[in-house]
């Protein structure tokens, strides 16, 4: 049981971070507006949780202009994908033990 809990990653302990990673695991990338709409969060909430994942090197952020409008897109890193997969597997094992 202790090994299972050790694989639960605190970086994914908030629903917004879990949501960001879930979207990025099934899509090559997602832009700020798409994530905001899918997760139903405010600009500030999304930005702060994305920054936390970026600080862990779990996502990369690309800022560019499309026309005259700024566009921010996110991608899961290889490290992030592995960490998220291990987190999900640990949760699944924890659930199956109960």
Protein backbone atom coordinates (compact mmCIF):
# COMPACT_ATOMS: atom_id res chain seq x y z
CA UNK A 1 0.00 0.00 0.00
CA UNK A 2 2.84 2.41 0.83
CA UNK A 3 4.42 1.97 -2.63
CA UNK A 4 1.13 2.84 -4.28
CA UNK A 5 0.76 6.04 -2.29
CA UNK A 6 4.36 7.04 -3.11
CA UNK A 7 3.43 7.08 -6.82
CA UNK A 8 0.57 9.50 -6.27
CA UNK A 9 1.99 12.76 -7.56
CA UNK A 10 1.21 15.95 -5.63
CA UNK A 11 1.60 17.98 -8.84
CA UNK A 12 -1.68 16.46 -10.03
CA UNK A 13 -3.60 16.85 -6.78
CA UNK A 14 -5.83 19.64 -8.07
CA UNK A 15 -8.68 19.03 -10.51
CA UNK A 16 -7.47 21.79 -12.86
CA UNK A 17 -3.97 20.28 -13.17
CA UNK A 18 -5.49 16.84 -13.57
CA UNK A 19 -7.72 18.27 -16.30
CA UNK A 20 -4.89 20.04 -18.12
CA UNK A 21 -2.84 16.85 -18.20
CA UNK A 22 -5.83 14.73 -19.22
CA UNK A 23 -6.48 16.98 -22.22
CA UNK A 24 -2.80 17.03 -23.19
CA UNK A 25 -2.46 13.26 -22.93
CA UNK A 26 -5.02 12.76 -25.72
CA UNK A 27 -4.19 15.84 -27.81
CA UNK A 28 -0.82 16.86 -29.19
CA UNK A 29 -1.43 20.36 -27.87
CA UNK A 30 -4.21 22.63 -26.67
CA UNK A 31 -4.47 26.39 -26.58
CA UNK A 32 -5.41 28.54 -23.61
CA UNK A 33 -8.97 29.23 -24.80
CA UNK A 34 -9.69 25.56 -25.44
CA UNK A 35 -8.41 24.51 -22.02
CA UNK A 36 -10.31 27.33 -20.33
CA UNK A 37 -13.55 26.28 -22.01
CA UNK A 38 -13.10 22.53 -21.48
CA UNK A 39 -12.20 22.91 -17.80
CA UNK A 40 -14.62 25.76 -17.01
CA UNK A 41 -12.02 27.85 -15.19
CA UNK A 42 -10.99 31.49 -15.02
CA UNK A 43 -7.97 32.91 -16.84
CA UNK A 44 -6.07 33.32 -13.58
CA UNK A 45 -6.80 29.79 -12.36
CA UNK A 46 -5.73 28.23 -15.63
CA UNK A 47 -2.59 30.35 -15.85
CA UNK A 48 -1.45 29.58 -12.30
CA UNK A 49 -2.05 25.83 -12.58
CA UNK A 50 -0.39 25.69 -16.00
CA UNK A 51 2.61 27.53 -14.52
CA UNK A 52 2.83 24.95 -11.71
CA UNK A 53 2.93 22.13 -14.29
CA UNK A 54 5.47 24.05 -16.37
CA UNK A 55 7.68 24.50 -13.29
CA UNK A 56 7.67 20.71 -12.84
CA UNK A 57 8.68 20.31 -16.52
CA UNK A 58 5.44 18.42 -17.17
CA UNK A 59 4.22 20.79 -19.89
CA UNK A 60 5.77 23.27 -22.29
CA UNK A 61 4.24 26.62 -23.14
CA UNK A 62 4.48 28.25 -26.53
CA UNK A 63 3.41 31.86 -26.98
CA UNK A 64 2.93 33.33 -30.43
CA UNK A 65 0.75 35.75 -32.33
CA UNK A 66 -1.87 34.61 -34.80
CA UNK A 67 -2.57 37.72 -36.79
CA UNK A 68 -2.56 40.40 -34.11
CA UNK A 69 -3.92 38.16 -31.37
CA UNK A 70 -1.73 36.43 -28.81
CA UNK A 71 -2.04 32.66 -28.66
CA UNK A 72 -0.69 30.43 -25.91
CA UNK A 73 -0.54 26.69 -26.48
CA UNK A 74 0.50 23.87 -24.20
CA UNK A 75 2.05 20.44 -24.78
CA UNK A 76 2.77 17.62 -22.36
CA UNK A 77 6.47 16.78 -22.13
CA UNK A 78 7.76 13.21 -22.17
CA UNK A 79 8.51 13.60 -18.44
CA UNK A 80 4.99 14.88 -17.85
CA UNK A 81 3.38 12.02 -19.74
CA UNK A 82 5.35 9.43 -17.78
CA UNK A 83 4.61 11.11 -14.43
CA UNK A 84 0.91 11.42 -15.24
CA UNK A 85 0.67 7.80 -16.37
CA UNK A 86 2.34 6.64 -13.15
CA UNK A 87 -0.07 8.83 -11.15
CA UNK A 88 -3.13 7.36 -12.89
CA UNK A 89 -1.83 3.81 -12.43
CA UNK A 90 -1.27 4.46 -8.71
CA UNK A 91 -4.81 5.80 -8.36
CA UNK A 92 -6.20 2.77 -10.18
CA UNK A 93 -4.28 0.40 -7.88
CA UNK A 94 -5.43 2.34 -4.82
CA UNK A 95 -9.06 2.09 -5.94
CA UNK A 96 -8.80 -1.61 -6.75
CA UNK A 97 -7.38 -2.30 -3.25
CA UNK A 98 -10.40 -0.81 -1.50
